[in-house]
C-alpha atoms as a PDB file:
ATOM      1  CA  MET A   1       0.021   4.233  -7.928  1.00  0.00           C
ATOM      2  CA  SER A   2       2.063   6.900  -6.265  1.00  0.00           C
ATOM      3  CA  PHE A   3       4.046   9.309  -7.751  1.00  0.00           C
ATOM      4  CA  PHE A   4       7.386   7.995  -7.568  1.00  0.00           C
ATOM      5  CA  ASP A   5       6.381   4.814  -8.676  1.00  0.00           C
ATOM      6  CA  LYS A   6       4.959   6.628 -11.501  1.00  0.00           C
ATOM      7  CA  LEU A   7       7.923   7.745 -11.871  1.00  0.00           C
ATOM      8  CA  PHE A   8      10.575   4.993 -11.526  1.00  0.00           C
ATOM      9  CA  GLY A   9       8.014   1.985 -12.728  1.00  0.00           C
ATOM     10  CA  ARG A  10       9.957  -0.057 -14.973  1.00  0.00           C
ATOM     11  CA  LYS A  11      10.659   1.913 -18.530  1.00  0.00           C
ATOM     12  CA  LYS A  12      13.953   1.984 -20.702  1.00  0.00           C
ATOM     13  CA  PRO A  13      16.257   3.772 -18.942  1.00  0.00           C
ATOM     14  CA  SER A  14      16.325   6.618 -21.142  1.00  0.00           C
ATOM     15  CA  ARG A  15      12.817   7.564 -20.575  1.00  0.00           C
ATOM     16  CA  GLU A  16      13.911   7.049 -16.270  1.00  0.00           C
ATOM     17  CA  ILE A  17      16.719   9.530 -17.252  1.00  0.00           C
ATOM     18  CA  HIS A  18      14.101  11.759 -18.655  1.00  0.00           C
ATOM     19  CA  ASP A  19      11.520  11.527 -16.307  1.00  0.00           C
ATOM     20  CA  CYS A  20      13.402  12.341 -13.261  1.00  0.00           C
ATOM     21  CA  GLU A  21      15.247  15.382 -14.809  1.00  0.00           C
ATOM     22  CA  VAL A  22      11.911  16.373 -15.348  1.00  0.00           C
ATOM     23  CA  ALA A  23      10.999  15.892 -12.520  1.00  0.00           C
ATOM     24  CA  LEU A  24      14.082  17.422 -10.827  1.00  0.00           C
ATOM     25  CA  GLU A  25      14.145  20.833 -12.357  1.00  0.00           C
ATOM     26  CA  LYS A  26      10.422  21.411 -10.325  1.00  0.00           C
ATOM     27  CA  ARG A  27      12.216  20.271  -7.279  1.00  0.00           C
ATOM     28  CA  PRO A  28      16.301  20.901  -7.737  1.00  0.00           C
ATOM     29  CA  ASN A  29      17.300  19.496  -4.477  1.00  0.00           C
ATOM     30  CA  ASP A  30      15.067  16.829  -3.488  1.00  0.00           C
ATOM     31  CA  PRO A  31      17.802  13.639  -2.277  1.00  0.00           C
ATOM     32  CA  VAL A  32      15.445  10.835  -3.729  1.00  0.00           C
ATOM     33  CA  ILE A  33      15.306  11.988  -6.841  1.00  0.00           C
ATOM     34  CA  LEU A  34      18.393  13.109  -6.798  1.00  0.00           C
ATOM     35  CA  LYS A  35      19.933  10.051  -6.066  1.00  0.00           C
ATOM     36  CA  LYS A  36      17.477   8.306  -7.903  1.00  0.00           C
ATOM     37  CA  LEU A  37      19.213   9.822 -10.784  1.00  0.00           C
ATOM     38  CA  GLY A  38      22.200   9.560 -10.212  1.00  0.00           C
ATOM     39  CA  ASP A  39      21.985   6.460 -10.145  1.00  0.00           C
ATOM     40  CA  LEU A  40      20.802   5.710 -13.592  1.00  0.00           C
ATOM     41  CA  TYR A  41      23.309   8.031 -14.477  1.00  0.00           C
ATOM     42  CA  LEU A  42      26.195   5.557 -13.423  1.00  0.00           C
ATOM     43  CA  LYS A  43      23.753   2.111 -14.955  1.00  0.00           C
ATOM     44  CA  SER A  44      23.983   4.652 -18.151  1.00  0.00           C
ATOM     45  CA  ASN A  45      27.639   4.448 -17.878  1.00  0.00           C
ATOM     46  CA  LYS A  46      27.073   8.973 -18.194  1.00  0.00           C
ATOM     47  CA  ILE A  47      30.041   9.527 -16.059  1.00  0.00           C
ATOM     48  CA  ASP A  48      30.262  13.069 -15.650  1.00  0.00           C
ATOM     49  CA  SER A  49      26.496  13.878 -14.768  1.00  0.00           C
ATOM     50  CA  ALA A  50      26.354  11.018 -12.880  1.00  0.00           C
ATOM     51  CA  SER A  51      29.535  12.482 -10.646  1.00  0.00           C
ATOM     52  CA  GLU A  52      27.244  16.003 -10.710  1.00  0.00           C
ATOM     53  CA  ILE A  53      24.557  14.437  -9.545  1.00  0.00           C
ATOM     54  CA  TYR A  54      26.058  12.940  -6.512  1.00  0.00           C
ATOM     55  CA  LEU A  55      28.094  15.963  -5.580  1.00  0.00           C
ATOM     56  CA  ARG A  56      24.770  18.172  -5.768  1.00  0.00           C
ATOM     57  CA  LEU A  57      22.973  15.337  -3.579  1.00  0.00           C
ATOM     58  CA  GLY A  58      26.519  15.854  -1.201  1.00  0.00           C
ATOM     59  CA  ASP A  59      25.613  19.174  -1.156  1.00  0.00           C
ATOM     60  CA  THR A  60      22.447  18.802  -0.035  1.00  0.00           C
ATOM     61  CA  TYR A  61      23.248  16.728   2.719  1.00  0.00           C
ATOM     62  CA  ASN A  62      25.768  19.138   3.843  1.00  0.00           C
ATOM     63  CA  SER A  63      23.642  22.353   4.132  1.00  0.00           C
ATOM     64  CA  LYS A  64      21.084  19.984   6.286  1.00  0.00           C
ATOM     65  CA  GLY A  65      24.333  19.175   8.339  1.00  0.00           C
ATOM     66  CA  PHE A  66      24.222  15.597   7.300  1.00  0.00           C
ATOM     67  CA  TYR A  67      28.053  14.903   7.421  1.00  0.00           C
ATOM     68  CA  PRO A  68      28.561  11.668   7.196  1.00  0.00           C
ATOM     69  CA  LYS A  69      26.399  11.093   4.569  1.00  0.00           C
ATOM     70  CA  ALA A  70      27.792  14.596   3.068  1.00  0.00           C
ATOM     71  CA  ILE A  71      31.505  13.246   2.715  1.00  0.00           C
ATOM     72  CA  ALA A  72      29.771   9.765   1.250  1.00  0.00           C
ATOM     73  CA  LEU A  73      28.374  11.030  -1.599  1.00  0.00           C
ATOM     74  CA  TYR A  74      31.501  13.580  -2.137  1.00  0.00           C
ATOM     75  CA  LYS A  75      33.594  10.207  -1.893  1.00  0.00           C
ATOM     76  CA  GLN A  76      31.591   8.437  -4.070  1.00  0.00           C
ATOM     77  CA  ALA A  77      31.382  11.780  -6.847  1.00  0.00           C
ATOM     78  CA  ILE A  78      35.509  10.985  -6.634  1.00  0.00           C
ATOM     79  CA  LYS A  79      35.756   7.376  -6.675  1.00  0.00           C
ATOM     80  CA  ILE A  80      33.443   7.354 -10.465  1.00  0.00           C
ATOM     81  CA  ASN A  81      35.410  10.377 -11.781  1.00  0.00           C
ATOM     82  CA  SER A  82      38.092  11.038 -10.036  1.00  0.00           C
ATOM     83  CA  HIS A  83      39.923  13.275 -12.211  1.00  0.00           C
ATOM     84  CA  TRP A  84      37.516  16.301 -11.789  1.00  0.00           C
ATOM     85  CA  GLU A  85      38.650  18.750  -8.899  1.00  0.00           C
ATOM     86  CA  LYS A  86      35.255  19.655  -7.545  1.00  0.00           C
ATOM     87  CA  PRO A  87      34.539  16.799  -5.255  1.00  0.00           C
ATOM     88  CA  HIS A  88      38.108  16.376  -3.802  1.00  0.00           C
ATOM     89  CA  ILE A  89      37.958  20.404  -2.751  1.00  0.00           C
ATOM     90  CA  LYS A  90      34.475  20.169  -1.549  1.00  0.00           C
ATOM     91  CA  LEU A  91      35.723  17.214   0.747  1.00  0.00           C
ATOM     92  CA  ALA A  92      38.726  18.630   2.004  1.00  0.00           C
ATOM     93  CA  GLU A  93      36.176  21.648   2.619  1.00  0.00           C
ATOM     94  CA  LEU A  94      34.419  19.817   4.971  1.00  0.00           C
ATOM     95  CA  TYR A  95      36.662  17.364   6.671  1.00  0.00           C
ATOM     96  CA  GLN A  96      38.445  21.597   7.579  1.00  0.00           C
ATOM     97  CA  MET A  97      35.034  22.709   8.694  1.00  0.00           C
ATOM     98  CA  GLN A  98      34.861  19.450  11.041  1.00  0.00           C
ATOM     99  CA  GLY A  99      37.960  20.441  12.189  1.00  0.00           C
ATOM    100  CA  PHE A 100      39.379  17.325  11.161  1.00  0.00           C
ATOM    101  CA  THR A 101      42.697  18.655   9.026  1.00  0.00           C
ATOM    102  CA  ARG A 102      44.693  15.954   9.294  1.00  0.00           C
ATOM    103  CA  GLU A 103      42.701  14.643   7.043  1.00  0.00           C
ATOM    104  CA  ALA A 104      41.526  17.747   4.924  1.00  0.00           C
ATOM    105  CA  ALA A 105      45.085  17.834   4.442  1.00  0.00           C
ATOM    106  CA  THR A 106      45.593  14.839   2.889  1.00  0.00           C
ATOM    107  CA  GLN A 107      42.434  15.345   0.514  1.00  0.00           C
ATOM    108  CA  TYR A 108      44.640  18.188  -0.736  1.00  0.00           C
ATOM    109  CA  VAL A 109      47.860  16.222  -1.238  1.00  0.00           C
ATOM    110  CA  GLU A 110      45.432  13.709  -3.682  1.00  0.00           C
ATOM    111  CA  LEU A 111      44.498  16.854  -5.355  1.00  0.00           C
ATOM    112  CA  SER A 112      47.712  17.853  -5.840  1.00  0.00           C
ATOM    113  CA  GLU A 113      49.074  14.954  -6.782  1.00  0.00           C
ATOM    114  CA  LEU A 114      45.991  14.440  -9.504  1.00  0.00           C
ATOM    115  CA  LEU A 115      47.110  17.681 -10.932  1.00  0.00           C
ATOM    116  CA  GLU A 116      50.712  17.326 -11.160  1.00  0.00           C
ATOM    117  CA  LYS A 117      50.194  13.882 -12.958  1.00  0.00           C
ATOM    118  CA  GLU A 118      47.593  15.992 -15.489  1.00  0.00           C
ATOM    119  CA  GLY A 119      50.387  19.133 -15.783  1.00  0.00           C
ATOM    120  CA  HIS A 120      48.891  22.209 -13.816  1.00  0.00           C
ATOM    121  CA  ASN A 121      51.785  22.477 -11.571  1.00  0.00           C
ATOM    122  CA  GLU A 122      50.909  25.646 -10.077  1.00  0.00           C
ATOM    123  CA  ASP A 123      47.497  24.459  -9.014  1.00  0.00           C
ATOM    124  CA  ALA A 124      49.256  21.237  -7.890  1.00  0.00           C
ATOM    125  CA  MET A 125      51.653  23.422  -5.407  1.00  0.00           C
ATOM    126  CA  MET A 126      48.869  26.004  -4.726  1.00  0.00           C
ATOM    127  CA  TYR A 127      46.773  22.717  -3.541  1.00  0.00           C
ATOM    128  CA  MET A 128      50.005  21.497  -2.230  1.00  0.00           C
ATOM    129  CA  GLN A 129      51.081  24.333   0.037  1.00  0.00           C
ATOM    130  CA  LYS A 130      47.094  24.199   1.616  1.00  0.00           C
ATOM    131  CA  ALA A 131      48.015  20.666   3.157  1.00  0.00           C
ATOM    132  CA  ALA A 132      51.034  22.136   4.253  1.00  0.00           C
ATOM    133  CA  ASP A 133      49.253  24.501   6.256  1.00  0.00           C
ATOM    134  CA  LEU A 134      47.022  22.301   7.624  1.00  0.00           C
ATOM    135  CA  ASP A 135      49.203  19.564   9.138  1.00  0.00           C
ATOM    136  CA  PRO A 136      52.498  21.469   9.743  1.00  0.00           C
ATOM    137  CA  ALA A 137      53.907  18.170  11.335  1.00  0.00           C
ATOM    138  CA  ARG A 138      54.008  16.318   8.076  1.00  0.00           C
ATOM    139  CA  SER A 139      57.383  17.170   6.614  1.00  0.00           C
ATOM    140  CA  ASN A 140      57.216  15.292   3.716  1.00  0.00           C
ATOM    141  CA  ILE A 141      54.202  17.937   2.210  1.00  0.00           C
ATOM    142  CA  HIS A 142      56.918  20.741   3.041  1.00  0.00           C
ATOM    143  CA  LYS A 143      59.483  18.959   0.651  1.00  0.00           C
ATOM    144  CA  LYS A 144      57.104  18.781  -2.180  1.00  0.00           C
ATOM    145  CA  VAL A 145      55.746  22.172  -2.235  1.00  0.00           C
ATOM    146  CA  GLN A 146      59.285  23.444  -2.835  1.00  0.00           C
ATOM    147  CA  SER A 147      59.595  20.668  -5.743  1.00  0.00           C
ATOM    148  CA  PHE A 148      57.904  21.889  -8.117  1.00  0.00           C
ATOM    149  CA  ASP A 149      59.380  23.509 -11.242  1.00  0.00           C
ATOM    150  CA  VAL A 150      56.855  26.300 -11.813  1.00  0.00           C
ATOM    151  CA  ARG A 151      57.966  29.516 -13.145  1.00  0.00           C
ATOM    152  CA  GLU A 152      55.913  32.827 -13.143  1.00  0.00           C
ATOM    153  CA  ILE A 153      54.025  33.347 -16.104  1.00  0.00           C
ATOM    154  CA  GLY A 154      55.361  36.402 -18.671  1.00  0.00           C
ATOM    155  CA  MET A 155      53.363  38.805 -20.479  1.00  0.00           C
ATOM    156  CA  MET A 156      53.459  37.239 -23.404  1.00  0.00           C
ATOM    157  CA  ASP A 157      52.883  33.971 -22.675  1.00  0.00           C
ATOM    158  CA  PRO A 158      49.922  32.466 -24.307  1.00  0.00           C
ATOM    159  CA  VAL A 159      46.582  32.066 -22.041  1.00  0.00           C
ATOM    160  CA  PRO A 160      46.556  28.728 -20.703  1.00  0.00           C
ATOM    161  CA  LYS A 161      44.259  26.529 -21.632  1.00  0.00           C
ATOM    162  CA  GLN A 162      41.290  25.922 -19.593  1.00  0.00           C
ATOM    163  CA  LYS A 163      40.809  22.419 -17.884  1.00  0.00           C
ATOM    164  CA  THR A 164      38.051  20.543 -19.600  1.00  0.00           C
ATOM    165  CA  LYS A 165      34.770  20.465 -16.540  1.00  0.00           C
ATOM    166  CA  PRO A 166      32.371  17.517 -16.539  1.00  0.00           C
ATOM    167  CA  LYS A 167      29.475  17.881 -18.439  1.00  0.00           C
ATOM    168  CA  LEU A 168      27.651  17.931 -16.492  1.00  0.00           C
ATOM    169  CA  GLY A 169      15.770 -16.701  21.731  1.00  0.00           C
ATOM    170  CA  LYS A 170      10.525 -21.078  26.378  1.00  0.00           C
ATOM    171  CA  LYS A 171      12.840 -23.255  25.506  1.00  0.00           C
ATOM    172  CA  ASP A 172      16.803 -24.578  24.691  1.00  0.00           C
ATOM    173  CA  PHE A 173      18.220 -22.060  22.288  1.00  0.00           C
ATOM    174  CA  TYR A 174      19.819 -22.956  19.187  1.00  0.00           C
ATOM    175  CA  ASP A 175      24.085 -22.755  20.326  1.00  0.00           C
ATOM    176  CA  LEU A 176      24.663 -19.722  18.153  1.00  0.00           C
ATOM    177  CA  THR A 177      28.469 -19.942  19.199  1.00  0.00           C
ATOM    178  CA  ASN A 178      29.200 -23.416  18.746  1.00  0.00           C
ATOM    179  CA  GLU A 179      27.199 -24.048  15.677  1.00  0.00           C
ATOM    180  CA  LEU A 180      28.940 -20.828  13.915  1.00  0.00           C
ATOM    181  CA  ASP A 181      32.427 -21.579  15.503  1.00  0.00           C
ATOM    182  CA  LYS A 182      32.084 -25.257  13.244  1.00  0.00           C
ATOM    183  CA  GLU A 183      30.058 -23.831  10.187  1.00  0.00           C
ATOM    184  CA  ILE A 184      33.029 -20.825   9.967  1.00  0.00           C
ATOM    185  CA  ASP A 185      36.660 -23.806  10.294  1.00  0.00           C
ATOM    186  CA  GLU A 186      33.803 -25.827   7.773  1.00  0.00           C
ATOM    187  CA  LEU A 187      33.669 -23.025   5.640  1.00  0.00           C
ATOM    188  CA  GLN A 188      35.064 -23.215   2.264  1.00  0.00           C
ATOM    189  CA  ILE A 189      35.237 -19.705   0.529  1.00  0.00           C
ATOM    190  CA  ASP A 190      36.785 -18.627  -3.339  1.00  0.00           C
ATOM    191  CA  GLU A 191      39.679 -16.943  -2.195  1.00  0.00           C
ATOM    192  CA  SER A 192      38.943 -14.887  -5.504  1.00  0.00           C
ATOM    193  CA  LEU A 193      35.433 -13.636  -3.796  1.00  0.00           C
ATOM    194  CA  ASP A 194      37.800 -11.894  -1.328  1.00  0.00           C
ATOM    195  CA  THR A 195      39.248  -9.325  -3.541  1.00  0.00           C
ATOM    196  CA  LEU A 196      35.780  -8.229  -5.037  1.00  0.00           C
ATOM    197  CA  GLU A 197      36.640  -4.395  -6.942  1.00  0.00           C
ATOM    198  CA  ASP A 198      33.803  -2.383  -7.301  1.00  0.00           C
ATOM    199  CA  GLU A 199      32.488  -1.557 -11.194  1.00  0.00           C
ATOM    200  CA  THR A 200      34.234   1.575 -11.718  1.00  0.00           C
ATOM    201  CA  GLY A 201      37.268   0.001 -11.258  1.00  0.00           C
ATOM    202  CA  ILE A 202      38.599   3.228  -9.291  1.00  0.00           C
ATOM    203  CA  GLU A 203      40.927   2.610  -5.883  1.00  0.00           C
ATOM    204  CA  SER A 204      39.216   4.903  -3.419  1.00  0.00           C
ATOM    205  CA  VAL A 205      41.545   7.673  -1.884  1.00  0.00           C
ATOM    206  CA  PHE A 206      40.074   6.981   1.539  1.00  0.00           C
ATOM    207  CA  LYS A 207      43.028   4.956   2.800  1.00  0.00           C
ATOM    208  CA  ALA A 208      45.368   7.573   3.240  1.00  0.00           C
ATOM    209  CA  ILE A 209      43.006   9.294   5.346  1.00  0.00           C
ATOM    210  CA  GLU A 210      42.370   6.320   7.526  1.00  0.00           C
ATOM    211  CA  GLN A 211      45.735   5.647   8.297  1.00  0.00           C
ATOM    212  CA  ASN A 212      45.643   9.081   9.508  1.00  0.00           C
ATOM    213  CA  VAL A 213      42.792   9.150  11.632  1.00  0.00           C
ATOM    214  CA  ALA A 214      44.772   5.361  13.397  1.00  0.00           C
ATOM    215  CA  GLU A 215      48.240   7.420  13.888  1.00  0.00           C
ATOM    216  CA  ASP A 216      46.144  10.616  16.448  1.00  0.00           C
ATOM    217  CA  GLY A 217      42.674   8.829  17.573  1.00  0.00           C
ATOM    218  CA  SER A 218      41.027  12.091  16.330  1.00  0.00           C
ATOM    219  CA  GLN A 219      37.855  10.250  15.449  1.00  0.00           C
ATOM    220  CA  ASP A 220      34.838   9.294  17.893  1.00  0.00           C
ATOM    221  CA  PRO A 221      33.049   5.913  17.481  1.00  0.00           C
ATOM    222  CA  LEU A 222      29.706   7.429  16.684  1.00  0.00           C
ATOM    223  CA  PHE A 223      31.494   9.328  14.144  1.00  0.00           C
ATOM    224  CA  LEU A 224      32.498   6.281  12.417  1.00  0.00           C
ATOM    225  CA  TYR A 225      30.152   4.413  12.863  1.00  0.00           C
ATOM    226  CA  ASN A 226      27.414   7.358  10.774  1.00  0.00           C
ATOM    227  CA  MET A 227      30.168   7.219   8.457  1.00  0.00           C
ATOM    228  CA  GLY A 228      29.853   3.325   7.783  1.00  0.00           C
ATOM    229  CA  LEU A 229      26.316   3.666   7.323  1.00  0.00           C
ATOM    230  CA  ALA A 230      26.316   6.297   5.167  1.00  0.00           C
ATOM    231  CA  TYR A 231      29.169   4.220   2.981  1.00  0.00           C
ATOM    232  CA  ARG A 232      26.928   1.276   3.047  1.00  0.00           C
ATOM    233  CA  GLU A 233      23.983   3.352   1.865  1.00  0.00           C
ATOM    234  CA  THR A 234      26.191   5.305  -1.026  1.00  0.00           C
ATOM    235  CA  GLY A 235      27.507   1.916  -1.813  1.00  0.00           C
ATOM    236  CA  LEU A 236      31.147   2.070  -0.209  1.00  0.00           C
ATOM    237  CA  LEU A 237      31.249  -0.878   0.991  1.00  0.00           C
ATOM    238  CA  ASP A 238      34.645  -1.462   1.397  1.00  0.00           C
ATOM    239  CA  ASP A 239      34.732   2.035   3.197  1.00  0.00           C
ATOM    240  CA  ALA A 240      32.081   0.436   5.183  1.00  0.00           C
ATOM    241  CA  ILE A 241      33.445  -2.184   6.427  1.00  0.00           C
ATOM    242  CA  GLU A 242      36.573   0.039   6.924  1.00  0.00           C
ATOM    243  CA  SER A 243      34.408   2.109   9.643  1.00  0.00           C
ATOM    244  CA  PHE A 244      32.666  -0.486  10.899  1.00  0.00           C
ATOM    245  CA  LYS A 245      36.108  -2.140  12.239  1.00  0.00           C
ATOM    246  CA  LYS A 246      37.262   0.566  13.706  1.00  0.00           C
ATOM    247  CA  VAL A 247      34.450   1.149  15.804  1.00  0.00           C
ATOM    248  CA  VAL A 248      34.732  -2.783  16.748  1.00  0.00           C
ATOM    249  CA  ALA A 249      39.061  -1.198  17.341  1.00  0.00           C
ATOM    250  CA  THR A 250      37.220   1.772  19.928  1.00  0.00           C
ATOM    251  CA  GLY A 251      35.313  -1.483  21.708  1.00  0.00           C
ATOM    252  CA  GLN A 252      32.077   0.674  22.115  1.00  0.00           C
ATOM    253  CA  LYS A 253      29.040   0.376  19.965  1.00  0.00           C
ATOM    254  CA  LEU A 254      29.989  -3.790  20.061  1.00  0.00           C
ATOM    255  CA  PHE A 255      26.906  -5.074  18.973  1.00  0.00           C
ATOM    256  CA  ASP A 256      25.710  -3.064  16.406  1.00  0.00           C
ATOM    257  CA  ALA A 257      29.078  -2.446  15.035  1.00  0.00           C
ATOM    258  CA  HIS A 258      29.657  -6.488  14.648  1.00  0.00           C
ATOM    259  CA  VAL A 259      26.140  -7.152  13.175  1.00  0.00           C
ATOM    260  CA  MET A 260      26.761  -3.838  10.516  1.00  0.00           C
ATOM    261  CA  LEU A 261      30.048  -5.297   9.791  1.00  0.00           C
ATOM    262  CA  GLY A 262      28.965  -8.897   8.815  1.00  0.00           C
ATOM    263  CA  ILE A 263      25.928  -7.327   6.542  1.00  0.00           C
ATOM    264  CA  SER A 264      28.561  -5.546   5.322  1.00  0.00           C
ATOM    265  CA  TYR A 265      31.215  -8.290   4.235  1.00  0.00           C
ATOM    266  CA  ARG A 266      28.053 -10.050   3.075  1.00  0.00           C
ATOM    267  CA  GLU A 267      27.002  -7.540   1.188  1.00  0.00           C
ATOM    268  CA  ASN A 268      30.661  -7.380  -0.302  1.00  0.00           C
ATOM    269  CA  GLY A 269      30.572 -10.854  -0.541  1.00  0.00           C
ATOM    270  CA  VAL A 270      33.143 -11.980   1.764  1.00  0.00           C
ATOM    271  CA  PHE A 271      30.954 -14.566   3.260  1.00  0.00           C
ATOM    272  CA  GLN A 272      33.636 -16.162   5.568  1.00  0.00           C
ATOM    273  CA  ASP A 273      34.288 -12.431   7.554  1.00  0.00           C
ATOM    274  CA  SER A 274      30.308 -12.056   7.839  1.00  0.00           C
ATOM    275  CA  LEU A 275      30.361 -15.677   9.983  1.00  0.00           C
ATOM    276  CA  LYS A 276      32.357 -14.313  11.494  1.00  0.00           C
ATOM    277  CA  SER A 277      31.680 -10.865  12.903  1.00  0.00           C
ATOM    278  CA  PHE A 278      28.179 -12.271  13.801  1.00  0.00           C
ATOM    279  CA  ASN A 279      29.964 -15.281  15.370  1.00  0.00           C
ATOM    280  CA  ASP A 280      31.787 -12.164  17.700  1.00  0.00           C
ATOM    281  CA  ALA A 281      28.692 -10.474  18.542  1.00  0.00           C
ATOM    282  CA  SER A 282      27.055 -13.652  19.510  1.00  0.00           C
ATOM    283  CA  LYS A 283      29.925 -14.202  22.557  1.00  0.00           C
ATOM    284  CA  LEU A 284      29.637 -10.535  23.551  1.00  0.00           C
ATOM    285  CA  LYS A 285      28.259  -9.573  27.046  1.00  0.00           C
ATOM    286  CA  ASP A 286      24.278  -8.437  27.906  1.00  0.00           C
ATOM    287  CA  VAL A 287      23.415  -9.995  24.129  1.00  0.00           C
ATOM    288  CA  THR A 288      19.674 -10.471  24.291  1.00  0.00           C
ATOM    289  CA  ASN A 289      17.281 -13.327  23.313  1.00  0.00           C
ATOM    290  CA  ASP A 290      15.880 -11.240  20.458  1.00  0.00           C
ATOM    291  CA  MET A 291      19.385  -9.885  19.800  1.00  0.00           C
ATOM    292  CA  LYS A 292      20.054 -13.777  19.064  1.00  0.00           C
ATOM    293  CA  VAL A 293      17.015 -13.805  16.577  1.00  0.00           C
ATOM    294  CA  GLY A 294      18.115 -10.547  14.746  1.00  0.00           C
ATOM    295  CA  LEU A 295      21.953 -12.967  14.786  1.00  0.00           C
ATOM    296  CA  LEU A 296      20.364 -15.997  13.290  1.00  0.00           C
ATOM    297  CA  TYR A 297      18.161 -14.248  11.000  1.00  0.00           C
ATOM    298  CA  GLU A 298      21.422 -11.995   9.368  1.00  0.00           C
ATOM    299  CA  ILE A 299      22.915 -15.580   9.469  1.00  0.00           C
ATOM    300  CA  ALA A 300      20.834 -17.418   7.734  1.00  0.00           C
ATOM    301  CA  GLN A 301      20.197 -14.417   4.561  1.00  0.00           C
ATOM    302  CA  THR A 302      24.736 -15.450   4.862  1.00  0.00           C
ATOM    303  CA  TYR A 303      24.148 -18.487   3.997  1.00  0.00           C
ATOM    304  CA  LYS A 304      21.769 -17.467   0.758  1.00  0.00           C
ATOM    305  CA  ALA A 305      23.471 -15.409  -0.130  1.00  0.00           C
ATOM    306  CA  LEU A 306      26.327 -18.183  -0.148  1.00  0.00           C
ATOM    307  CA  GLY A 307      23.773 -20.094  -2.228  1.00  0.00           C
ATOM    308  CA  ASP A 308      23.695 -22.869   0.591  1.00  0.00           C
ATOM    309  CA  ASN A 309      19.305 -22.987   0.770  1.00  0.00           C
ATOM    310  CA  LYS A 310      20.041 -26.205   2.940  1.00  0.00           C
ATOM    311  CA  LYS A 311      21.116 -24.177   6.334  1.00  0.00           C
ATOM    312  CA  ALA A 312      19.548 -21.147   5.174  1.00  0.00           C
ATOM    313  CA  VAL A 313      16.230 -23.108   5.736  1.00  0.00           C
ATOM    314  CA  TYR A 314      17.762 -25.165   9.052  1.00  0.00           C
ATOM    315  CA  ILE A 315      18.551 -21.556  10.986  1.00  0.00           C
ATOM    316  CA  PHE A 316      15.482 -20.114   9.394  1.00  0.00           C
ATOM    317  CA  LYS A 317      13.377 -22.615  11.324  1.00  0.00           C
ATOM    318  CA  GLU A 318      14.788 -22.117  13.937  1.00  0.00           C
ATOM    319  CA  ILE A 319      13.942 -18.610  14.240  1.00  0.00           C
ATOM    320  CA  GLN A 320      10.872 -19.881  13.430  1.00  0.00           C
ATOM    321  CA  LYS A 321      10.659 -22.021  17.039  1.00  0.00           C
ATOM    322  CA  GLU A 322      12.050 -18.728  18.602  1.00  0.00           C
ATOM    323  CA  ASN A 323       9.578 -15.990  17.440  1.00  0.00           C
ATOM    324  CA  LYS A 324       6.783 -17.760  14.844  1.00  0.00           C
ATOM    325  CA  ASP A 325       6.341 -14.462  12.726  1.00  0.00           C
ATOM    326  CA  PHE A 326       9.435 -12.448  13.558  1.00  0.00           C
ATOM    327  CA  LYS A 327      10.102 -10.708   9.376  1.00  0.00           C
ATOM    328  CA  ASP A 328       9.607 -12.517   6.859  1.00  0.00           C
ATOM    329  CA  VAL A 329      11.272 -15.989   7.971  1.00  0.00           C
ATOM    330  CA  GLU A 330       7.778 -17.782   6.778  1.00  0.00           C
ATOM    331  CA  LEU A 331       7.593 -16.358   3.548  1.00  0.00           C
ATOM    332  CA  GLU A 332      11.887 -17.547   3.476  1.00  0.00           C
ATOM    333  CA  ILE A 333      11.329 -20.493   4.013  1.00  0.00           C
ATOM    334  CA  ALA A 334       8.659 -21.170   0.924  1.00  0.00           C
ATOM    335  CA  ARG A 335      10.819 -19.820  -1.162  1.00  0.00           C
ATOM    336  CA  LEU A 336      14.053 -21.722  -0.279  1.00  0.00           C
ATOM    337  CA  SER A 337      12.137 -25.117  -0.058  1.00  0.00           C
ATOM    338  CA  GLY A 338      10.761 -24.609  -3.595  1.00  0.00           C
ATOM    339  CA  GLY A 339       7.116 -23.427  -2.128  1.00  0.00           C
ATOM    340  CA  GLY A 340       7.681 -19.287  -3.056  1.00  0.00           C
END
């Protein structure tokens, strides 16, 4: 049994957390241990601790130059503990370092508004001024800076309280396009699935940043694609979907983006859009037979997730006709047919 099998076997959460904490003392920058510990804290509802660990993991990737993963992790820290300043600052600084000044400015605006709600007007004004300096064209920021009611602290004023910090496809191939067109039209989906939210219930602050990027087109398709992969890996599916949609809109890296978009939609419970993304991928030029087989596999997985085992088995069998040993198709057929 490997070290990580021993460490992360089936144990009670408290024991798993303890073992992870001990392991982290010996290997403080190990990304595998950090990620596991952060996930365990989150499952145990230890929000402050989870946020701190995701921040540390973001710092680890940031120091190694893996910026998309760092951004995703800083955002995860914000999403689960939106009132903690540090991940907001880290995210803004990373955007600024990469030259994405509008995104950095937007992050500072979000932080300023957060601090203002908590009554920390001086800090709020400082971050709003940072935003104004980074993005002079946004006159609304400058107006906001002037709106703060902040007086000079007198010598006899009491020392302000410190803000609380976290505790830390031979033969005729299966007609994919026609079949999908028919299946998508017939598919009936509960509309409530389209509004599934993350368990944390905290709305992502990245929407404003995405709007700014759409306005000036400052991000390239490869960056957006890597961001989508990082978001998906971190569990931020809504953000992953938005990033992959941006890549599709550029007309570059189309096949990969459509496929990852379809997978992300499926993982987010939006099955009709998942099937549509795979359908769009099948209509692209230069799609090879092997690529079609891969698409069929993902489509079958979507029907499986939807609970339509009959359709999933049918498509898995079509894949088997084309490639008998493709992935785990034989096992999937056995399982879904009640044989394992």
